[in-house]
Amino acid sequence: MLTWDALLIDAGIPLALERGIHPDLKTGRPIAQTENRGYPAYFESHLNDLVFASVVQLGTEISPTKQKLLSSKILMWIFPHTFTIYLLHGLIF
């Protein structure tokens, strides 16, 4: 369980119920009464996404062992374009 959402689901509190009481910016009605029934858009980021990405980034930058592991010859042979994809994701994020 890495996310707050997973903890809420295990506690029996669905994401729609948690978000449903807040007003929708477009209509002013409670979010639970809108078209998506309180569920956020797929691309809507959460705080835990930012925290997880930051921790992984810092862990990779600080740990020489992790850097050495990720730059091993076999991984570079299997995934030659990983760094390019990483840079493109950085532009999007």
N, C-alpha and C. Protein backbone atom coordinates (compact mmCIF):
# COMPACT_ATOMS: atom_id res chain seq x y z
N MET A 1 0.84 -1.17 0.00
CA MET A 1 0.00 0.00 0.00
C MET A 1 0.89 1.24 0.00
N LEU A 2 0.97 1.87 -1.12
CA LEU A 2 1.84 3.03 -1.22
C LEU A 2 1.08 4.34 -1.23
N THR A 3 -0.23 4.29 -1.37
CA THR A 3 -0.94 5.54 -1.56
C THR A 3 -2.02 5.75 -0.51
N TRP A 4 -2.36 6.99 -0.34
CA TRP A 4 -3.44 7.37 0.55
C TRP A 4 -4.75 6.79 0.04
N ASP A 5 -4.94 6.78 -1.28
CA ASP A 5 -6.17 6.24 -1.86
C ASP A 5 -6.35 4.77 -1.50
N ALA A 6 -5.28 4.00 -1.51
CA ALA A 6 -5.37 2.58 -1.16
C ALA A 6 -5.78 2.42 0.30
N LEU A 7 -5.27 3.28 1.17
CA LEU A 7 -5.66 3.22 2.58
C LEU A 7 -7.15 3.53 2.76
N LEU A 8 -7.63 4.52 2.01
CA LEU A 8 -9.05 4.86 2.10
C LEU A 8 -9.93 3.73 1.60
N ILE A 9 -9.51 3.08 0.53
CA ILE A 9 -10.29 1.96 0.00
C ILE A 9 -10.32 0.82 1.00
N ASP A 10 -9.18 0.53 1.63
CA ASP A 10 -9.15 -0.53 2.66
C ASP A 10 -10.01 -0.17 3.86
N ALA A 11 -10.13 1.12 4.16
CA ALA A 11 -10.95 1.54 5.29
C ALA A 11 -12.44 1.57 4.93
N GLY A 12 -12.76 1.30 3.66
CA GLY A 12 -14.16 1.29 3.24
C GLY A 12 -14.69 2.64 2.83
N ILE A 13 -13.81 3.61 2.61
CA ILE A 13 -14.23 4.94 2.18
C ILE A 13 -13.86 5.09 0.71
N PRO A 14 -14.83 5.02 -0.19
CA PRO A 14 -14.50 5.15 -1.61
C PRO A 14 -14.08 6.58 -1.95
N LEU A 15 -13.29 6.70 -2.99
CA LEU A 15 -12.78 8.00 -3.41
C LEU A 15 -13.92 8.94 -3.77
N ALA A 16 -14.98 8.42 -4.37
CA ALA A 16 -16.11 9.26 -4.75
C ALA A 16 -16.78 9.88 -3.53
N LEU A 17 -16.88 9.14 -2.44
CA LEU A 17 -17.50 9.66 -1.22
C LEU A 17 -16.63 10.76 -0.61
N GLU A 18 -15.32 10.55 -0.64
CA GLU A 18 -14.41 11.54 -0.07
C GLU A 18 -14.49 12.85 -0.84
N ARG A 19 -14.58 12.77 -2.15
CA ARG A 19 -14.58 13.97 -2.98
C ARG A 19 -15.97 14.51 -3.27
N GLY A 20 -17.00 13.72 -3.00
CA GLY A 20 -18.35 14.06 -3.42
C GLY A 20 -18.96 15.27 -2.75
N ILE A 21 -18.47 15.69 -1.60
CA ILE A 21 -19.09 16.79 -0.88
C ILE A 21 -18.63 18.15 -1.38
N HIS A 22 -17.52 18.20 -2.09
CA HIS A 22 -16.99 19.48 -2.56
C HIS A 22 -17.77 19.96 -3.78
N PRO A 23 -17.91 21.28 -3.96
CA PRO A 23 -18.66 21.78 -5.12
C PRO A 23 -17.86 21.63 -6.41
N ASP A 24 -18.60 21.37 -7.48
CA ASP A 24 -18.00 21.31 -8.81
C ASP A 24 -17.79 22.74 -9.29
N LEU A 25 -16.63 23.04 -9.87
CA LEU A 25 -16.34 24.40 -10.29
C LEU A 25 -17.22 24.85 -11.45
N LYS A 26 -17.60 23.93 -12.33
CA LYS A 26 -18.39 24.30 -13.51
C LYS A 26 -19.87 24.50 -13.19
N THR A 27 -20.44 23.61 -12.38
CA THR A 27 -21.88 23.64 -12.15
C THR A 27 -22.27 24.18 -10.78
N GLY A 28 -21.40 24.11 -9.79
CA GLY A 28 -21.72 24.54 -8.44
C GLY A 28 -22.42 23.48 -7.61
N ARG A 29 -22.82 22.39 -8.24
CA ARG A 29 -23.47 21.29 -7.51
C ARG A 29 -22.39 20.45 -6.82
N PRO A 30 -22.78 19.64 -5.82
CA PRO A 30 -21.80 18.73 -5.22
C PRO A 30 -21.23 17.78 -6.28
N ILE A 31 -19.96 17.48 -6.17
CA ILE A 31 -19.29 16.66 -7.18
C ILE A 31 -19.96 15.31 -7.34
N ALA A 32 -20.52 14.77 -6.26
CA ALA A 32 -21.19 13.46 -6.33
C ALA A 32 -22.41 13.49 -7.25
N GLN A 33 -22.95 14.67 -7.52
CA GLN A 33 -24.13 14.78 -8.38
C GLN A 33 -23.78 15.18 -9.81
N THR A 34 -22.52 15.19 -10.15
CA THR A 34 -22.12 15.55 -11.51
C THR A 34 -21.97 14.30 -12.37
N GLU A 35 -21.56 14.52 -13.61
CA GLU A 35 -21.47 13.43 -14.59
C GLU A 35 -20.53 12.31 -14.16
N ASN A 36 -19.38 12.64 -13.59
CA ASN A 36 -18.40 11.62 -13.19
C ASN A 36 -18.67 11.03 -11.81
N ARG A 37 -19.67 11.49 -11.12
CA ARG A 37 -20.06 10.99 -9.79
C ARG A 37 -18.94 11.10 -8.76
N GLY A 38 -18.15 12.15 -8.86
CA GLY A 38 -17.13 12.38 -7.86
C GLY A 38 -15.76 11.82 -8.17
N TYR A 39 -15.65 10.99 -9.18
CA TYR A 39 -14.34 10.45 -9.51
C TYR A 39 -13.54 11.48 -10.28
N PRO A 40 -12.26 11.66 -9.93
CA PRO A 40 -11.45 12.65 -10.64
C PRO A 40 -11.10 12.15 -12.04
N ALA A 41 -10.69 13.08 -12.88
CA ALA A 41 -10.22 12.71 -14.21
C ALA A 41 -8.98 11.84 -14.09
N TYR A 42 -8.75 10.99 -15.07
CA TYR A 42 -7.62 10.06 -15.02
C TYR A 42 -6.30 10.80 -14.86
N PHE A 43 -6.17 11.93 -15.53
CA PHE A 43 -4.89 12.65 -15.55
C PHE A 43 -4.73 13.62 -14.38
N GLU A 44 -5.71 13.71 -13.49
CA GLU A 44 -5.60 14.60 -12.34
C GLU A 44 -4.59 14.04 -11.35
N SER A 45 -3.57 14.82 -11.08
CA SER A 45 -2.51 14.33 -10.19
C SER A 45 -2.91 14.49 -8.73
N HIS A 46 -2.28 13.70 -7.88
CA HIS A 46 -2.52 13.73 -6.45
C HIS A 46 -1.22 14.09 -5.75
N LEU A 47 -1.31 14.51 -4.52
CA LEU A 47 -0.13 14.84 -3.74
C LEU A 47 0.78 13.63 -3.57
N ASN A 48 0.18 12.44 -3.38
CA ASN A 48 1.02 11.26 -3.18
C ASN A 48 1.81 10.92 -4.44
N ASP A 49 1.32 11.28 -5.63
CA ASP A 49 2.08 11.07 -6.86
C ASP A 49 3.36 11.91 -6.84
N LEU A 50 3.21 13.16 -6.44
CA LEU A 50 4.36 14.06 -6.39
C LEU A 50 5.36 13.61 -5.33
N VAL A 51 4.87 13.19 -4.17
CA VAL A 51 5.76 12.73 -3.10
C VAL A 51 6.52 11.48 -3.54
N PHE A 52 5.82 10.51 -4.14
CA PHE A 52 6.46 9.28 -4.58
C PHE A 52 7.52 9.56 -5.65
N ALA A 53 7.18 10.40 -6.64
CA ALA A 53 8.14 10.72 -7.70
C ALA A 53 9.36 11.44 -7.13
N SER A 54 9.14 12.35 -6.18
CA SER A 54 10.26 13.08 -5.57
C SER A 54 11.17 12.16 -4.77
N VAL A 55 10.58 11.23 -4.01
CA VAL A 55 11.38 10.30 -3.21
C VAL A 55 12.20 9.38 -4.10
N VAL A 56 11.61 8.88 -5.17
CA VAL A 56 12.35 8.02 -6.09
C VAL A 56 13.48 8.80 -6.75
N GLN A 57 13.20 10.04 -7.17
CA GLN A 57 14.23 10.88 -7.79
C GLN A 57 15.37 11.15 -6.82
N LEU A 58 15.05 11.56 -5.60
CA LEU A 58 16.09 11.84 -4.61
C LEU A 58 16.88 10.58 -4.25
N GLY A 59 16.17 9.47 -4.11
CA GLY A 59 16.85 8.22 -3.80
C GLY A 59 17.84 7.82 -4.87
N THR A 60 17.49 8.08 -6.11
CA THR A 60 18.39 7.75 -7.21
C THR A 60 19.57 8.71 -7.26
N GLU A 61 19.32 9.99 -7.01
CA GLU A 61 20.40 10.97 -7.06
C GLU A 61 21.39 10.80 -5.90
N ILE A 62 20.91 10.42 -4.74
CA ILE A 62 21.76 10.34 -3.55
C ILE A 62 22.53 9.02 -3.47
N SER A 63 21.93 7.93 -3.91
CA SER A 63 22.51 6.60 -3.70
C SER A 63 23.42 6.17 -4.86
N PRO A 64 24.73 6.10 -4.64
CA PRO A 64 25.63 5.61 -5.68
C PRO A 64 25.36 4.15 -6.04
N THR A 65 24.94 3.36 -5.07
CA THR A 65 24.64 1.95 -5.33
C THR A 65 23.47 1.83 -6.30
N LYS A 66 22.44 2.62 -6.08
CA LYS A 66 21.28 2.59 -6.96
C LYS A 66 21.64 3.09 -8.36
N GLN A 67 22.48 4.11 -8.44
CA GLN A 67 22.93 4.61 -9.74
C GLN A 67 23.71 3.55 -10.49
N LYS A 68 24.59 2.86 -9.78
CA LYS A 68 25.40 1.82 -10.40
C LYS A 68 24.52 0.67 -10.89
N LEU A 69 23.54 0.31 -10.08
CA LEU A 69 22.62 -0.77 -10.44
C LEU A 69 21.82 -0.39 -11.69
N LEU A 70 21.29 0.83 -11.72
CA LEU A 70 20.48 1.24 -12.86
C LEU A 70 21.30 1.47 -14.13
N SER A 71 22.60 1.71 -13.99
CA SER A 71 23.43 1.91 -15.18
C SER A 71 24.26 0.68 -15.53
N SER A 72 23.85 -0.48 -15.05
CA SER A 72 24.57 -1.71 -15.39
C SER A 72 24.45 -2.00 -16.89
N LYS A 73 25.43 -2.69 -17.42
CA LYS A 73 25.48 -2.93 -18.86
C LYS A 73 24.29 -3.73 -19.36
N ILE A 74 23.85 -4.69 -18.58
CA ILE A 74 22.73 -5.51 -19.05
C ILE A 74 21.43 -4.70 -19.10
N LEU A 75 21.20 -3.84 -18.10
CA LEU A 75 20.01 -3.00 -18.15
C LEU A 75 20.08 -1.99 -19.29
N MET A 76 21.26 -1.44 -19.53
CA MET A 76 21.42 -0.50 -20.64
C MET A 76 21.23 -1.19 -21.99
N TRP A 77 21.59 -2.46 -22.06
CA TRP A 77 21.40 -3.22 -23.30
C TRP A 77 19.92 -3.54 -23.52
N ILE A 78 19.23 -3.90 -22.43
CA ILE A 78 17.81 -4.25 -22.55
C ILE A 78 16.95 -3.00 -22.79
N PHE A 79 17.25 -1.92 -22.10
CA PHE A 79 16.46 -0.69 -22.19
C PHE A 79 17.34 0.48 -22.66
N PRO A 80 17.72 0.53 -23.94
CA PRO A 80 18.66 1.56 -24.38
C PRO A 80 18.09 2.98 -24.40
N HIS A 81 16.78 3.12 -24.47
CA HIS A 81 16.19 4.46 -24.59
C HIS A 81 15.51 4.93 -23.32
N THR A 82 15.84 4.32 -22.20
CA THR A 82 15.18 4.66 -20.94
C THR A 82 15.42 6.12 -20.56
N PHE A 83 16.63 6.62 -20.73
CA PHE A 83 16.92 7.99 -20.33
C PHE A 83 16.15 8.98 -21.20
N THR A 84 16.02 8.68 -22.49
CA THR A 84 15.24 9.55 -23.37
C THR A 84 13.79 9.61 -22.93
N ILE A 85 13.22 8.47 -22.60
CA ILE A 85 11.84 8.42 -22.13
C ILE A 85 11.71 9.18 -20.81
N TYR A 86 12.69 9.03 -19.95
CA TYR A 86 12.69 9.74 -18.66
C TYR A 86 12.68 11.25 -18.89
N LEU A 87 13.48 11.74 -19.82
CA LEU A 87 13.52 13.17 -20.09
C LEU A 87 12.19 13.66 -20.64
N LEU A 88 11.58 12.89 -21.52
CA LEU A 88 10.28 13.29 -22.06
C LEU A 88 9.21 13.33 -20.97
N HIS A 89 9.23 12.37 -20.06
CA HIS A 89 8.27 12.39 -18.96
C HIS A 89 8.51 13.59 -18.05
N GLY A 90 9.76 13.99 -17.92
CA GLY A 90 10.06 15.16 -17.11
C GLY A 90 9.43 16.42 -17.69
N LEU A 91 9.39 16.52 -19.02
CA LEU A 91 8.76 17.66 -19.65
C LEU A 91 7.26 17.67 -19.39
N ILE A 92 6.65 16.51 -19.39
CA ILE A 92 5.20 16.41 -19.18
C ILE A 92 4.85 16.68 -17.73
N PHE A 93 5.65 16.13 -16.80
CA PHE A 93 5.35 16.26 -15.38
C PHE A 93 5.59 17.68 -14.94
